[in-house]
């Protein structure tokens, strides 16, 4: 049990350090990146958003056409295409 505990300690110290923190200061040059203005953001994104808007419109028109075709294909929802069904009384001539 003690060996497994020691192994876990070694693993943790290798992964996360010894846990001993000194008060040493680290000097690093941090440069602030300039913030973009709203106009610059719009300039960089307008073509992407416009393309996505056109793609969304095209997809909705295409999906609507597909759904309209499916709904017209089987109006009475019996699983048989309407153009293959014979209307009720189709083989009977009136008056004969």
N, C-alpha and C. Protein backbone atom coordinates (compact mmCIF):
# COMPACT_ATOMS: atom_id res chain seq x y z
N UNK A 1 0.82 -1.18 0.00
CA UNK A 1 0.00 0.00 0.00
C UNK A 1 0.87 1.25 0.00
N UNK A 2 1.94 1.21 0.76
CA UNK A 2 2.84 2.35 0.84
C UNK A 2 3.54 2.59 -0.49
N UNK A 3 3.84 1.52 -1.22
CA UNK A 3 4.50 1.64 -2.51
C UNK A 3 3.57 2.34 -3.51
N UNK A 4 2.29 1.96 -3.50
CA UNK A 4 1.33 2.59 -4.41
C UNK A 4 1.16 4.07 -4.08
N UNK A 5 1.15 4.42 -2.80
CA UNK A 5 1.03 5.81 -2.39
C UNK A 5 2.24 6.61 -2.86
N UNK A 6 3.43 6.03 -2.70
CA UNK A 6 4.66 6.72 -3.12
C UNK A 6 4.68 6.89 -4.63
N UNK A 7 4.19 5.88 -5.35
CA UNK A 7 4.13 5.97 -6.81
C UNK A 7 3.18 7.10 -7.22
N UNK A 8 2.07 7.24 -6.53
CA UNK A 8 1.12 8.31 -6.83
C UNK A 8 1.74 9.66 -6.53
N UNK A 9 2.53 9.77 -5.48
CA UNK A 9 3.20 11.03 -5.15
C UNK A 9 4.19 11.41 -6.24
N UNK A 10 4.95 10.45 -6.71
CA UNK A 10 5.93 10.72 -7.76
C UNK A 10 5.22 11.15 -9.03
N UNK A 11 4.15 10.46 -9.36
CA UNK A 11 3.39 10.80 -10.57
C UNK A 11 2.84 12.22 -10.48
N UNK A 12 2.27 12.57 -9.34
CA UNK A 12 1.68 13.90 -9.17
C UNK A 12 2.76 14.98 -9.22
N UNK A 13 3.92 14.72 -8.63
CA UNK A 13 4.96 15.72 -8.65
C UNK A 13 5.52 15.90 -10.06
N UNK A 14 5.55 14.83 -10.84
CA UNK A 14 6.03 14.95 -12.21
C UNK A 14 5.02 15.72 -13.07
N UNK A 15 3.74 15.48 -12.83
CA UNK A 15 2.71 16.12 -13.65
C UNK A 15 2.44 17.57 -13.25
N UNK A 16 2.37 17.83 -11.95
CA UNK A 16 1.91 19.13 -11.49
C UNK A 16 2.95 19.90 -10.69
N UNK A 17 4.12 19.43 -10.60
CA UNK A 17 5.16 20.11 -9.84
C UNK A 17 5.12 19.68 -8.38
N UNK A 18 6.04 20.17 -7.63
CA UNK A 18 6.13 19.76 -6.23
C UNK A 18 5.11 20.46 -5.34
N UNK A 19 4.51 21.48 -5.83
CA UNK A 19 3.55 22.20 -5.00
C UNK A 19 4.19 23.25 -4.13
N UNK A 20 5.47 23.47 -4.31
CA UNK A 20 6.18 24.47 -3.53
C UNK A 20 6.31 25.71 -4.41
N UNK A 21 5.72 26.76 -3.94
CA UNK A 21 5.74 27.98 -4.73
C UNK A 21 6.55 29.02 -3.99
N UNK A 22 7.46 29.61 -4.70
CA UNK A 22 8.26 30.67 -4.11
C UNK A 22 7.64 32.00 -4.51
N UNK A 23 8.04 33.03 -3.84
CA UNK A 23 7.49 34.34 -4.13
C UNK A 23 8.25 35.05 -5.24
N UNK A 24 8.97 34.32 -6.05
CA UNK A 24 9.77 34.93 -7.10
C UNK A 24 8.86 35.56 -8.15
N UNK A 25 9.28 36.68 -8.64
CA UNK A 25 8.51 37.35 -9.68
C UNK A 25 9.04 36.93 -11.03
N UNK A 26 8.16 36.83 -11.95
CA UNK A 26 8.53 36.46 -13.31
C UNK A 26 8.35 37.70 -14.17
N UNK A 27 9.41 38.10 -14.80
CA UNK A 27 9.31 39.27 -15.66
C UNK A 27 9.12 38.79 -17.09
N UNK A 28 8.01 39.16 -17.64
CA UNK A 28 7.73 38.81 -19.03
C UNK A 28 7.13 40.04 -19.68
N UNK A 29 7.49 40.24 -20.89
CA UNK A 29 6.94 41.40 -21.58
C UNK A 29 5.57 41.01 -22.14
N UNK A 30 4.56 41.66 -21.65
CA UNK A 30 3.20 41.40 -22.09
C UNK A 30 2.79 42.57 -22.97
N UNK A 31 2.51 42.25 -24.20
CA UNK A 31 2.09 43.30 -25.12
C UNK A 31 0.59 43.21 -25.30
N UNK A 32 -0.05 44.32 -25.18
CA UNK A 32 -1.50 44.35 -25.34
C UNK A 32 -1.83 44.40 -26.82
N UNK A 33 -2.71 43.51 -27.23
CA UNK A 33 -3.14 43.52 -28.63
C UNK A 33 -4.21 44.59 -28.78
N UNK A 34 -4.15 45.32 -29.85
CA UNK A 34 -5.15 46.37 -30.03
C UNK A 34 -6.53 45.77 -30.26
N UNK A 35 -7.52 46.39 -29.65
CA UNK A 35 -8.89 45.92 -29.82
C UNK A 35 -9.42 46.39 -31.17
N UNK A 36 -10.24 45.55 -31.78
CA UNK A 36 -10.84 45.91 -33.06
C UNK A 36 -12.08 46.76 -32.81
N UNK A 37 -12.30 47.69 -33.70
CA UNK A 37 -13.51 48.49 -33.61
C UNK A 37 -14.67 47.70 -34.20
N UNK A 38 -15.90 48.04 -33.88
CA UNK A 38 -17.04 47.33 -34.48
C UNK A 38 -17.04 47.37 -36.01
N UNK A 39 -16.57 48.47 -36.57
CA UNK A 39 -16.52 48.56 -38.04
C UNK A 39 -15.51 47.57 -38.62
N UNK A 40 -14.38 47.39 -37.95
CA UNK A 40 -13.38 46.43 -38.43
C UNK A 40 -13.90 45.00 -38.33
N UNK A 41 -14.64 44.73 -37.28
CA UNK A 41 -15.22 43.38 -37.15
C UNK A 41 -16.24 43.15 -38.24
N UNK A 42 -17.08 44.14 -38.51
CA UNK A 42 -18.08 44.00 -39.58
C UNK A 42 -17.41 43.80 -40.93
N UNK A 43 -16.32 44.52 -41.19
CA UNK A 43 -15.60 44.37 -42.45
C UNK A 43 -15.05 42.96 -42.62
N UNK A 44 -14.58 42.37 -41.54
CA UNK A 44 -13.97 41.04 -41.66
C UNK A 44 -15.01 39.92 -41.70
N UNK A 45 -16.22 40.16 -41.21
CA UNK A 45 -17.22 39.10 -41.14
C UNK A 45 -18.37 39.24 -42.12
N UNK A 46 -18.49 40.36 -42.82
CA UNK A 46 -19.70 40.57 -43.61
C UNK A 46 -19.85 39.54 -44.71
N UNK A 47 -18.78 39.16 -45.39
CA UNK A 47 -18.91 38.21 -46.49
C UNK A 47 -19.25 36.81 -45.99
N UNK A 48 -18.71 36.43 -44.82
CA UNK A 48 -19.02 35.12 -44.26
C UNK A 48 -20.49 35.04 -43.85
N UNK A 49 -20.97 36.08 -43.19
CA UNK A 49 -22.36 36.10 -42.75
C UNK A 49 -23.33 36.20 -43.92
N UNK A 50 -22.94 36.94 -44.96
CA UNK A 50 -23.78 37.03 -46.15
C UNK A 50 -23.87 35.69 -46.85
N UNK A 51 -22.74 34.99 -46.97
CA UNK A 51 -22.75 33.67 -47.60
C UNK A 51 -23.60 32.69 -46.79
N UNK A 52 -23.50 32.75 -45.47
CA UNK A 52 -24.32 31.87 -44.65
C UNK A 52 -25.80 32.20 -44.78
N UNK A 53 -26.15 33.47 -44.91
CA UNK A 53 -27.55 33.85 -45.09
C UNK A 53 -28.10 33.31 -46.41
N UNK A 54 -27.32 33.44 -47.49
CA UNK A 54 -27.76 32.90 -48.78
C UNK A 54 -27.88 31.37 -48.72
N UNK A 55 -26.93 30.72 -48.08
CA UNK A 55 -26.99 29.25 -47.97
C UNK A 55 -28.22 28.83 -47.16
N UNK A 56 -28.53 29.57 -46.11
CA UNK A 56 -29.70 29.23 -45.30
C UNK A 56 -31.00 29.42 -46.10
N UNK A 57 -31.07 30.49 -46.87
CA UNK A 57 -32.26 30.71 -47.72
C UNK A 57 -32.38 29.60 -48.77
N UNK A 58 -31.29 29.25 -49.41
CA UNK A 58 -31.33 28.19 -50.42
C UNK A 58 -31.75 26.87 -49.79
N UNK A 59 -31.21 26.56 -48.62
CA UNK A 59 -31.56 25.29 -47.96
C UNK A 59 -33.03 25.27 -47.56
N UNK A 60 -33.56 26.40 -47.11
CA UNK A 60 -34.97 26.40 -46.70
C UNK A 60 -35.89 26.28 -47.91
N UNK A 61 -35.54 26.90 -49.03
CA UNK A 61 -36.35 26.76 -50.24
C UNK A 61 -36.29 25.33 -50.75
N UNK A 62 -35.11 24.75 -50.75
CA UNK A 62 -34.97 23.37 -51.20
C UNK A 62 -35.74 22.41 -50.30
N UNK A 63 -35.62 22.58 -48.99
CA UNK A 63 -36.34 21.71 -48.06
C UNK A 63 -37.84 21.89 -48.21
N UNK A 64 -38.30 23.12 -48.42
CA UNK A 64 -39.73 23.35 -48.64
C UNK A 64 -40.23 22.68 -49.90
N UNK A 65 -39.43 22.72 -50.98
CA UNK A 65 -39.83 22.06 -52.22
C UNK A 65 -39.89 20.55 -52.04
N UNK A 66 -38.95 20.00 -51.30
CA UNK A 66 -38.96 18.55 -51.05
C UNK A 66 -40.19 18.17 -50.23
N UNK A 67 -40.46 18.93 -49.18
CA UNK A 67 -41.62 18.62 -48.36
C UNK A 67 -42.92 18.77 -49.13
N UNK A 68 -43.02 19.80 -49.96
CA UNK A 68 -44.23 19.98 -50.77
C UNK A 68 -44.40 18.80 -51.72
N UNK A 69 -43.30 18.34 -52.29
CA UNK A 69 -43.39 17.18 -53.18
C UNK A 69 -43.82 15.92 -52.45
N UNK A 70 -43.34 15.74 -51.24
CA UNK A 70 -43.72 14.56 -50.46
C UNK A 70 -45.19 14.64 -50.07
N UNK A 71 -45.63 15.81 -49.67
CA UNK A 71 -47.02 15.95 -49.24
C UNK A 71 -47.98 15.77 -50.42
N UNK A 72 -47.58 16.24 -51.60
CA UNK A 72 -48.44 16.08 -52.78
C UNK A 72 -48.39 14.64 -53.29
N UNK A 73 -47.37 13.92 -52.99
CA UNK A 73 -47.22 12.56 -53.48
C UNK A 73 -48.25 11.63 -52.88
N UNK A 74 -48.63 11.84 -51.62
CA UNK A 74 -49.56 10.94 -50.95
C UNK A 74 -50.48 11.76 -50.04
N UNK A 75 -51.49 12.40 -50.64
CA UNK A 75 -52.37 13.28 -49.88
C UNK A 75 -53.21 12.53 -48.85
N UNK A 76 -53.68 11.33 -49.20
CA UNK A 76 -54.54 10.60 -48.26
C UNK A 76 -53.76 9.70 -47.30
N UNK A 77 -52.47 9.71 -47.38
CA UNK A 77 -51.56 9.03 -46.44
C UNK A 77 -51.83 7.53 -46.30
N UNK A 78 -52.10 6.87 -47.40
CA UNK A 78 -52.28 5.43 -47.33
C UNK A 78 -51.05 4.67 -47.80
N UNK A 79 -49.98 5.37 -48.15
CA UNK A 79 -48.74 4.72 -48.54
C UNK A 79 -48.64 4.42 -50.01
N UNK A 80 -49.72 4.64 -50.78
CA UNK A 80 -49.70 4.40 -52.22
C UNK A 80 -49.65 5.77 -52.91
N UNK A 81 -48.73 5.95 -53.86
CA UNK A 81 -48.69 7.24 -54.54
C UNK A 81 -50.03 7.57 -55.21
N UNK A 82 -50.44 8.81 -55.13
CA UNK A 82 -51.75 9.21 -55.64
C UNK A 82 -51.88 8.99 -57.14
N UNK A 83 -50.81 9.12 -57.90
CA UNK A 83 -50.91 8.94 -59.34
C UNK A 83 -51.07 7.47 -59.73
N UNK A 84 -50.83 6.55 -58.80
CA UNK A 84 -51.03 5.12 -59.08
C UNK A 84 -52.39 4.62 -58.59
N UNK A 85 -53.08 5.39 -57.80
CA UNK A 85 -54.38 4.97 -57.30
C UNK A 85 -55.46 5.24 -58.34
N UNK A 86 -56.48 4.40 -58.33
CA UNK A 86 -57.64 4.64 -59.18
C UNK A 86 -58.71 5.27 -58.31
N UNK A 87 -59.35 6.31 -58.80
CA UNK A 87 -60.41 6.92 -58.00
C UNK A 87 -61.55 5.94 -57.76
N UNK A 88 -62.32 6.18 -56.72
CA UNK A 88 -63.44 5.30 -56.39
C UNK A 88 -64.44 5.35 -57.53
N UNK A 89 -64.83 4.17 -58.02
CA UNK A 89 -65.79 4.09 -59.13
C UNK A 89 -65.19 4.41 -60.48
N UNK A 90 -63.90 4.25 -60.65
CA UNK A 90 -63.25 4.62 -61.90
C UNK A 90 -63.63 3.66 -63.02
N UNK A 91 -63.88 2.42 -62.72
CA UNK A 91 -64.18 1.44 -63.78
C UNK A 91 -65.66 1.40 -64.15
N UNK A 92 -66.50 2.14 -63.47
CA UNK A 92 -67.94 2.08 -63.73
C UNK A 92 -68.35 3.30 -64.55
N UNK A 93 -69.03 3.06 -65.66
CA UNK A 93 -69.53 4.13 -66.50
C UNK A 93 -70.93 4.52 -66.00
N UNK A 94 -71.20 5.79 -65.79
CA UNK A 94 -72.55 6.16 -65.35
C UNK A 94 -73.58 5.90 -66.44
N UNK A 95 -74.72 5.37 -66.06
CA UNK A 95 -75.83 5.11 -66.98
C UNK A 95 -75.76 3.77 -67.67
N UNK A 96 -74.87 2.92 -67.35
CA UNK A 96 -74.81 1.62 -68.02
C UNK A 96 -75.01 0.51 -67.04
